[in-house]
């Protein structure tokens, strides 16, 4: 694998003639934690959909560890959790995790699943229940557990903190730091700039389909003469 986990080069995407991404350039290094922030409708989720080849590009190129993103094999090193994670309501938590691991050719190890559930504050007894009985927070924890159990070199998480209470957020951050220690890369979107400030080596601000800033959180504050990342963000998109 190369030293670059993700590379977006002049990525363009239109929906019905309306431009959503206008020549996006980004590079995420291997082993780096990178946060993408922006207001609703800025194009964050569209960029992820393009990365995963859920929709065709109208221009530009995307590479995953140096391989074109359109090659199915290029996505093998990648674990993904969407913002609107909705597992099949009729499956139990255990069924869902077994299914996801089987799709990836990975074994189901009950002790590892129980450990991950505990690490994310998801009661082991909940895994025996059908997903239709889950709250939003429990559903999010299930998706995160299934994703993190895959042990990938790269994780793409769209609003991973969505629906989590303060305890679960803290526990997830601990798990993400474990990924960092293992050398994994993380590319995630978030509306919580405090999380980006805490977790990320670098970040980018996407606004109106274009990258307005890319660099470290500290560089962002300096560039816009702000004391907080929130103030820097507002100055950037003004």
C-alpha atoms as a PDB file:
ATOM      1  CA  UNK A   1       0.000   0.000   0.000  1.00  0.00           C
ATOM      2  CA  UNK A   2       1.073   3.595  -0.616  1.00  0.00           C
ATOM      3  CA  UNK A   3       1.573   6.259   2.026  1.00  0.00           C
ATOM      4  CA  UNK A   4      -1.655   7.904   0.834  1.00  0.00           C
ATOM      5  CA  UNK A   5      -4.901   6.336   2.038  1.00  0.00           C
ATOM      6  CA  UNK A   6      -7.258   8.509  -0.038  1.00  0.00           C
ATOM      7  CA  UNK A   7      -6.731  10.952  -2.844  1.00  0.00           C
ATOM      8  CA  UNK A   8      -9.456  13.091  -4.404  1.00  0.00           C
ATOM      9  CA  UNK A   9      -8.352  14.936  -7.544  1.00  0.00           C
ATOM     10  CA  UNK A  10     -10.605  17.596  -9.083  1.00  0.00           C
ATOM     11  CA  UNK A  11     -13.736  15.621  -8.155  1.00  0.00           C
ATOM     12  CA  UNK A  12     -16.882  16.977  -9.792  1.00  0.00           C
ATOM     13  CA  UNK A  13     -20.417  15.764  -9.148  1.00  0.00           C
ATOM     14  CA  UNK A  14     -23.716  17.118 -10.462  1.00  0.00           C
ATOM     15  CA  UNK A  15     -27.300  16.129  -9.746  1.00  0.00           C
ATOM     16  CA  UNK A  16     -29.689  17.057 -12.530  1.00  0.00           C
ATOM     17  CA  UNK A  17     -27.258  19.623 -13.818  1.00  0.00           C
ATOM     18  CA  UNK A  18     -26.793  21.234 -10.404  1.00  0.00           C
ATOM     19  CA  UNK A  19     -23.150  21.115  -9.271  1.00  0.00           C
ATOM     20  CA  UNK A  20     -22.680  19.588  -5.806  1.00  0.00           C
ATOM     21  CA  UNK A  21     -18.910  19.041  -5.865  1.00  0.00           C
ATOM     22  CA  UNK A  22     -16.850  21.591  -7.774  1.00  0.00           C
ATOM     23  CA  UNK A  23     -13.331  20.265  -8.281  1.00  0.00           C
ATOM     24  CA  UNK A  24     -12.541  18.833  -4.839  1.00  0.00           C
ATOM     25  CA  UNK A  25      -8.862  18.110  -4.110  1.00  0.00           C
ATOM     26  CA  UNK A  26      -7.979  16.256  -0.899  1.00  0.00           C
ATOM     27  CA  UNK A  27      -5.307  13.847   0.271  1.00  0.00           C
ATOM     28  CA  UNK A  28      -5.555  11.706   3.418  1.00  0.00           C
ATOM     29  CA  UNK A  29      -2.307  10.095   4.469  1.00  0.00           C
ATOM     30  CA  UNK A  30      -2.006   6.526   5.680  1.00  0.00           C
ATOM     31  CA  UNK A  31      -2.332   6.429   9.460  1.00  0.00           C
ATOM     32  CA  UNK A  32      -3.895   9.897   9.557  1.00  0.00           C
ATOM     33  CA  UNK A  33      -7.131  10.962  11.250  1.00  0.00           C
ATOM     34  CA  UNK A  34      -8.873  13.442   8.959  1.00  0.00           C
ATOM     35  CA  UNK A  35     -12.125  15.296   9.610  1.00  0.00           C
ATOM     36  CA  UNK A  36     -14.399  16.785   6.954  1.00  0.00           C
ATOM     37  CA  UNK A  37     -16.753  19.507   8.153  1.00  0.00           C
ATOM     38  CA  UNK A  38     -19.373  21.689   6.527  1.00  0.00           C
ATOM     39  CA  UNK A  39     -22.947  22.879   6.799  1.00  0.00           C
ATOM     40  CA  UNK A  40     -25.838  20.681   5.688  1.00  0.00           C
ATOM     41  CA  UNK A  41     -25.811  20.416   1.913  1.00  0.00           C
ATOM     42  CA  UNK A  42     -22.122  21.323   1.575  1.00  0.00           C
ATOM     43  CA  UNK A  43     -21.413  18.056  -0.259  1.00  0.00           C
ATOM     44  CA  UNK A  44     -19.833  15.909   2.450  1.00  0.00           C
ATOM     45  CA  UNK A  45     -22.055  12.856   2.003  1.00  0.00           C
ATOM     46  CA  UNK A  46     -21.937  13.223  -1.782  1.00  0.00           C
ATOM     47  CA  UNK A  47     -18.145  13.056  -1.613  1.00  0.00           C
ATOM     48  CA  UNK A  48     -18.359   9.823   0.381  1.00  0.00           C
ATOM     49  CA  UNK A  49     -20.898   8.371  -2.055  1.00  0.00           C
ATOM     50  CA  UNK A  50     -18.502   9.121  -4.889  1.00  0.00           C
ATOM     51  CA  UNK A  51     -15.640   7.510  -2.972  1.00  0.00           C
ATOM     52  CA  UNK A  52     -17.650   4.315  -2.495  1.00  0.00           C
ATOM     53  CA  UNK A  53     -18.747   4.342  -6.155  1.00  0.00           C
ATOM     54  CA  UNK A  54     -22.391   4.645  -5.136  1.00  0.00           C
ATOM     55  CA  UNK A  55     -22.663   7.313  -7.814  1.00  0.00           C
ATOM     56  CA  UNK A  56     -20.613   8.126 -10.890  1.00  0.00           C
ATOM     57  CA  UNK A  57     -18.223  11.059 -11.039  1.00  0.00           C
ATOM     58  CA  UNK A  58     -18.813  13.839 -13.513  1.00  0.00           C
ATOM     59  CA  UNK A  59     -15.138  14.662 -13.428  1.00  0.00           C
ATOM     60  CA  UNK A  60     -11.895  13.946 -11.606  1.00  0.00           C
ATOM     61  CA  UNK A  61     -10.414  10.868  -9.996  1.00  0.00           C
ATOM     62  CA  UNK A  62     -10.424   9.105  -6.620  1.00  0.00           C
ATOM     63  CA  UNK A  63      -7.815   6.603  -5.408  1.00  0.00           C
ATOM     64  CA  UNK A  64      -7.850   4.314  -2.372  1.00  0.00           C
ATOM     65  CA  UNK A  65      -4.325   3.339  -1.327  1.00  0.00           C
ATOM     66  CA  UNK A  66      -3.237   4.184  -4.869  1.00  0.00           C
ATOM     67  CA  UNK A  67      -5.889   2.132  -6.666  1.00  0.00           C
ATOM     68  CA  UNK A  68      -8.756   3.621  -8.710  1.00  0.00           C
ATOM     69  CA  UNK A  69     -11.897   3.706  -6.583  1.00  0.00           C
ATOM     70  CA  UNK A  70     -13.995   2.104  -9.330  1.00  0.00           C
ATOM     71  CA  UNK A  71     -12.113  -1.182  -8.885  1.00  0.00           C
ATOM     72  CA  UNK A  72     -14.130  -3.244  -6.366  1.00  0.00           C
ATOM     73  CA  UNK A  73     -10.907  -4.647  -4.904  1.00  0.00           C
ATOM     74  CA  UNK A  74      -9.770  -1.128  -4.029  1.00  0.00           C
ATOM     75  CA  UNK A  75     -12.452  -0.979  -1.335  1.00  0.00           C
ATOM     76  CA  UNK A  76     -11.391  -4.172   0.446  1.00  0.00           C
ATOM     77  CA  UNK A  77      -9.212  -2.247   2.962  1.00  0.00           C
ATOM     78  CA  UNK A  78     -12.103   0.091   3.782  1.00  0.00           C
ATOM     79  CA  UNK A  79     -14.708  -0.062   6.559  1.00  0.00           C
ATOM     80  CA  UNK A  80     -17.751   2.206   6.192  1.00  0.00           C
ATOM     81  CA  UNK A  81     -20.641   3.369   8.349  1.00  0.00           C
ATOM     82  CA  UNK A  82     -23.269   5.688   6.789  1.00  0.00           C
ATOM     83  CA  UNK A  83     -24.873   8.585   8.611  1.00  0.00           C
ATOM     84  CA  UNK A  84     -28.330   7.049   8.280  1.00  0.00           C
ATOM     85  CA  UNK A  85     -27.539   3.534   9.376  1.00  0.00           C
ATOM     86  CA  UNK A  86     -30.671   1.350   9.195  1.00  0.00           C
ATOM     87  CA  UNK A  87     -30.012  -2.386   9.650  1.00  0.00           C
ATOM     88  CA  UNK A  88     -32.708  -4.944   8.727  1.00  0.00           C
ATOM     89  CA  UNK A  89     -35.271  -4.610  11.511  1.00  0.00           C
ATOM     90  CA  UNK A  90     -36.004  -8.361  11.659  1.00  0.00           C
ATOM     91  CA  UNK A  91     -32.412  -9.400  12.480  1.00  0.00           C
ATOM     92  CA  UNK A  92     -31.014  -9.659  15.972  1.00  0.00           C
ATOM     93  CA  UNK A  93     -27.864  -7.725  16.746  1.00  0.00           C
ATOM     94  CA  UNK A  94     -25.895 -10.958  16.640  1.00  0.00           C
ATOM     95  CA  UNK A  95     -27.434 -11.922  13.298  1.00  0.00           C
ATOM     96  CA  UNK A  96     -26.456  -8.582  11.824  1.00  0.00           C
ATOM     97  CA  UNK A  97     -22.836  -8.753  12.987  1.00  0.00           C
ATOM     98  CA  UNK A  98     -22.537 -12.344  11.777  1.00  0.00           C
ATOM     99  CA  UNK A  99     -23.907 -11.308   8.390  1.00  0.00           C
ATOM    100  CA  UNK A 100     -21.541  -8.338   8.006  1.00  0.00           C
ATOM    101  CA  UNK A 101     -18.493 -10.391   8.984  1.00  0.00           C
ATOM    102  CA  UNK A 102     -19.518 -13.231   6.669  1.00  0.00           C
ATOM    103  CA  UNK A 103     -19.801 -10.826   3.737  1.00  0.00           C
ATOM    104  CA  UNK A 104     -16.163  -9.935   4.329  1.00  0.00           C
ATOM    105  CA  UNK A 105     -15.031 -13.521   4.763  1.00  0.00           C
ATOM    106  CA  UNK A 106     -14.275 -12.959   8.437  1.00  0.00           C
ATOM    107  CA  UNK A 107     -15.018 -15.406  11.255  1.00  0.00           C
ATOM    108  CA  UNK A 108     -17.529 -14.637  13.975  1.00  0.00           C
ATOM    109  CA  UNK A 109     -15.784 -14.768  17.360  1.00  0.00           C
ATOM    110  CA  UNK A 110     -18.274 -14.440  20.213  1.00  0.00           C
ATOM    111  CA  UNK A 111     -15.684 -13.229  22.776  1.00  0.00           C
ATOM    112  CA  UNK A 112     -14.487 -10.458  20.430  1.00  0.00           C
ATOM    113  CA  UNK A 113     -18.077  -9.379  19.712  1.00  0.00           C
ATOM    114  CA  UNK A 114     -18.910  -9.301  23.424  1.00  0.00           C
ATOM    115  CA  UNK A 115     -15.766  -7.282  24.114  1.00  0.00           C
ATOM    116  CA  UNK A 116     -16.588  -4.749  21.397  1.00  0.00           C
ATOM    117  CA  UNK A 117     -20.190  -4.440  22.597  1.00  0.00           C
ATOM    118  CA  UNK A 118     -18.961  -3.741  26.116  1.00  0.00           C
ATOM    119  CA  UNK A 119     -16.392  -1.259  24.805  1.00  0.00           C
ATOM    120  CA  UNK A 120     -19.192   0.718  23.133  1.00  0.00           C
ATOM    121  CA  UNK A 121     -21.639   0.394  26.053  1.00  0.00           C
ATOM    122  CA  UNK A 122     -24.007  -1.878  24.118  1.00  0.00           C
ATOM    123  CA  UNK A 123     -25.478  -4.429  26.501  1.00  0.00           C
ATOM    124  CA  UNK A 124     -24.652  -7.964  25.439  1.00  0.00           C
ATOM    125  CA  UNK A 125     -28.268  -8.949  26.072  1.00  0.00           C
ATOM    126  CA  UNK A 126     -29.334  -6.441  23.403  1.00  0.00           C
ATOM    127  CA  UNK A 127     -27.512  -8.492  20.777  1.00  0.00           C
ATOM    128  CA  UNK A 128     -30.092 -11.232  21.292  1.00  0.00           C
ATOM    129  CA  UNK A 129     -32.991  -8.902  20.508  1.00  0.00           C
ATOM    130  CA  UNK A 130     -34.232  -7.843  17.095  1.00  0.00           C
ATOM    131  CA  UNK A 131     -33.087  -4.477  15.814  1.00  0.00           C
ATOM    132  CA  UNK A 132     -36.682  -3.208  15.690  1.00  0.00           C
ATOM    133  CA  UNK A 133     -36.495  -2.836  19.490  1.00  0.00           C
ATOM    134  CA  UNK A 134     -33.353  -0.677  19.410  1.00  0.00           C
ATOM    135  CA  UNK A 135     -33.157   3.022  20.148  1.00  0.00           C
ATOM    136  CA  UNK A 136     -31.250   5.342  17.819  1.00  0.00           C
ATOM    137  CA  UNK A 137     -28.210   5.179  20.069  1.00  0.00           C
ATOM    138  CA  UNK A 138     -28.263   1.381  20.283  1.00  0.00           C
ATOM    139  CA  UNK A 139     -28.584   1.105  16.518  1.00  0.00           C
ATOM    140  CA  UNK A 140     -25.582   3.398  16.062  1.00  0.00           C
ATOM    141  CA  UNK A 141     -23.529   1.331  18.511  1.00  0.00           C
ATOM    142  CA  UNK A 142     -24.424  -1.843  16.601  1.00  0.00           C
ATOM    143  CA  UNK A 143     -23.266  -0.315  13.331  1.00  0.00           C
ATOM    144  CA  UNK A 144     -20.048   0.915  14.892  1.00  0.00           C
ATOM    145  CA  UNK A 145     -19.389  -2.481  16.476  1.00  0.00           C
ATOM    146  CA  UNK A 146     -19.858  -4.309  13.168  1.00  0.00           C
ATOM    147  CA  UNK A 147     -17.641  -1.788  11.394  1.00  0.00           C
ATOM    148  CA  UNK A 148     -14.817  -1.802  13.939  1.00  0.00           C
ATOM    149  CA  UNK A 149     -14.792  -5.599  14.235  1.00  0.00           C
ATOM    150  CA  UNK A 150     -13.741  -5.759  10.582  1.00  0.00           C
ATOM    151  CA  UNK A 151     -10.258  -4.464  11.528  1.00  0.00           C
ATOM    152  CA  UNK A 152      -9.580  -2.448   8.386  1.00  0.00           C
ATOM    153  CA  UNK A 153      -6.621  -0.209   7.480  1.00  0.00           C
ATOM    154  CA  UNK A 154      -9.070   2.598   6.617  1.00  0.00           C
ATOM    155  CA  UNK A 155     -12.396   3.638   8.125  1.00  0.00           C
ATOM    156  CA  UNK A 156     -14.844   6.059   6.525  1.00  0.00           C
ATOM    157  CA  UNK A 157     -17.473   7.162   9.026  1.00  0.00           C
ATOM    158  CA  UNK A 158     -20.267   9.613   8.208  1.00  0.00           C
ATOM    159  CA  UNK A 159     -21.285  11.402  11.437  1.00  0.00           C
ATOM    160  CA  UNK A 160     -20.183   8.499  13.701  1.00  0.00           C
ATOM    161  CA  UNK A 161     -21.263  10.273  16.915  1.00  0.00           C
ATOM    162  CA  UNK A 162     -24.882  10.597  15.730  1.00  0.00           C
ATOM    163  CA  UNK A 163     -27.342   9.481  18.412  1.00  0.00           C
ATOM    164  CA  UNK A 164     -24.691   8.666  21.010  1.00  0.00           C
ATOM    165  CA  UNK A 165     -24.940   9.870  24.595  1.00  0.00           C
ATOM    166  CA  UNK A 166     -21.906  11.454  26.316  1.00  0.00           C
ATOM    167  CA  UNK A 167     -20.696   8.145  27.764  1.00  0.00           C
ATOM    168  CA  UNK A 168     -20.909   6.358  24.419  1.00  0.00           C
ATOM    169  CA  UNK A 169     -19.158   9.259  22.674  1.00  0.00           C
ATOM    170  CA  UNK A 170     -16.265   9.055  25.111  1.00  0.00           C
ATOM    171  CA  UNK A 171     -16.033   5.287  24.705  1.00  0.00           C
ATOM    172  CA  UNK A 172     -16.086   5.550  20.913  1.00  0.00           C
ATOM    173  CA  UNK A 173     -13.284   8.100  21.015  1.00  0.00           C
ATOM    174  CA  UNK A 174     -11.242   5.629  23.055  1.00  0.00           C
ATOM    175  CA  UNK A 175     -11.846   2.940  20.435  1.00  0.00           C
ATOM    176  CA  UNK A 176     -10.832   5.327  17.674  1.00  0.00           C
ATOM    177  CA  UNK A 177      -7.607   6.110  19.501  1.00  0.00           C
ATOM    178  CA  UNK A 178      -6.955   2.370  19.611  1.00  0.00           C
ATOM    179  CA  UNK A 179      -7.308   2.344  15.829  1.00  0.00           C
ATOM    180  CA  UNK A 180      -4.756   5.157  15.639  1.00  0.00           C
ATOM    181  CA  UNK A 181      -2.346   3.115  17.760  1.00  0.00           C
ATOM    182  CA  UNK A 182      -2.840   0.190  15.366  1.00  0.00           C
ATOM    183  CA  UNK A 183      -1.922   2.396  12.415  1.00  0.00           C
ATOM    184  CA  UNK A 184      -5.382   2.621  10.829  1.00  0.00           C
ATOM    185  CA  UNK A 185      -6.540   5.692   8.917  1.00  0.00           C
ATOM    186  CA  UNK A 186      -9.792   7.517   9.641  1.00  0.00           C
ATOM    187  CA  UNK A 187     -11.788   9.814   7.362  1.00  0.00           C
ATOM    188  CA  UNK A 188     -14.957  11.078   8.996  1.00  0.00           C
ATOM    189  CA  UNK A 189     -17.534  13.817   8.746  1.00  0.00           C
ATOM    190  CA  UNK A 190     -18.847  15.642  11.776  1.00  0.00           C
ATOM    191  CA  UNK A 191     -20.929  18.627  12.786  1.00  0.00           C
ATOM    192  CA  UNK A 192     -19.198  18.586  16.192  1.00  0.00           C
ATOM    193  CA  UNK A 193     -16.106  20.716  15.694  1.00  0.00           C
ATOM    194  CA  UNK A 194     -14.903  19.905  19.215  1.00  0.00           C
ATOM    195  CA  UNK A 195     -14.605  16.246  18.169  1.00  0.00           C
ATOM    196  CA  UNK A 196     -12.655  17.236  15.067  1.00  0.00           C
ATOM    197  CA  UNK A 197     -10.349  19.406  17.165  1.00  0.00           C
ATOM    198  CA  UNK A 198      -9.769  16.572  19.631  1.00  0.00           C
ATOM    199  CA  UNK A 199      -9.347  13.658  17.225  1.00  0.00           C
ATOM    200  CA  UNK A 200      -7.955  14.919  13.941  1.00  0.00           C
ATOM    201  CA  UNK A 201      -4.424  15.353  12.676  1.00  0.00           C
ATOM    202  CA  UNK A 202      -5.850  17.441   9.853  1.00  0.00           C
ATOM    203  CA  UNK A 203      -9.234  18.655   8.677  1.00  0.00           C
ATOM    204  CA  UNK A 204     -10.947  20.267   5.710  1.00  0.00           C
ATOM    205  CA  UNK A 205     -13.869  22.667   5.421  1.00  0.00           C
ATOM    206  CA  UNK A 206     -16.148  21.905   2.487  1.00  0.00           C
ATOM    207  CA  UNK A 207     -18.521  24.709   1.530  1.00  0.00           C
ATOM    208  CA  UNK A 208     -20.691  25.069  -1.539  1.00  0.00           C
ATOM    209  CA  UNK A 209     -18.980  22.038  -3.078  1.00  0.00           C
ATOM    210  CA  UNK A 210     -15.454  23.411  -2.713  1.00  0.00           C
ATOM    211  CA  UNK A 211     -12.642  23.009  -0.194  1.00  0.00           C
ATOM    212  CA  UNK A 212     -12.268  26.327   1.605  1.00  0.00           C
ATOM    213  CA  UNK A 213      -9.552  25.160   4.020  1.00  0.00           C
ATOM    214  CA  UNK A 214      -7.333  22.103   4.550  1.00  0.00           C
ATOM    215  CA  UNK A 215      -4.790  21.771   7.337  1.00  0.00           C
ATOM    216  CA  UNK A 216      -4.530  21.175  11.062  1.00  0.00           C
ATOM    217  CA  UNK A 217      -7.170  22.526  13.464  1.00  0.00           C
ATOM    218  CA  UNK A 218      -4.514  24.826  14.944  1.00  0.00           C
ATOM    219  CA  UNK A 219      -3.669  26.167  11.470  1.00  0.00           C
ATOM    220  CA  UNK A 220      -7.360  26.786  10.872  1.00  0.00           C
ATOM    221  CA  UNK A 221      -7.649  28.909  14.000  1.00  0.00           C
ATOM    222  CA  UNK A 222      -4.493  30.859  13.117  1.00  0.00           C
ATOM    223  CA  UNK A 223      -5.473  31.453   9.491  1.00  0.00           C
ATOM    224  CA  UNK A 224      -8.818  32.964  10.460  1.00  0.00           C
ATOM    225  CA  UNK A 225      -7.592  34.718  13.601  1.00  0.00           C
ATOM    226  CA  UNK A 226     -10.008  32.815  15.845  1.00  0.00           C
ATOM    227  CA  UNK A 227      -9.763  31.509  19.389  1.00  0.00           C
ATOM    228  CA  UNK A 228     -12.018  28.525  18.718  1.00  0.00           C
ATOM    229  CA  UNK A 229     -12.523  26.185  15.780  1.00  0.00           C
ATOM    230  CA  UNK A 230     -16.196  27.170  15.674  1.00  0.00           C
ATOM    231  CA  UNK A 231     -15.262  30.834  15.185  1.00  0.00           C
ATOM    232  CA  UNK A 232     -12.693  29.877  12.530  1.00  0.00           C
ATOM    233  CA  UNK A 233     -15.288  27.800  10.711  1.00  0.00           C
ATOM    234  CA  UNK A 234     -17.770  30.667  10.615  1.00  0.00           C
ATOM    235  CA  UNK A 235     -15.101  33.038   9.311  1.00  0.00           C
ATOM    236  CA  UNK A 236     -14.090  30.502   6.650  1.00  0.00           C
ATOM    237  CA  UNK A 237     -17.572  30.100   5.167  1.00  0.00           C
ATOM    238  CA  UNK A 238     -18.590  33.763   5.463  1.00  0.00           C
END
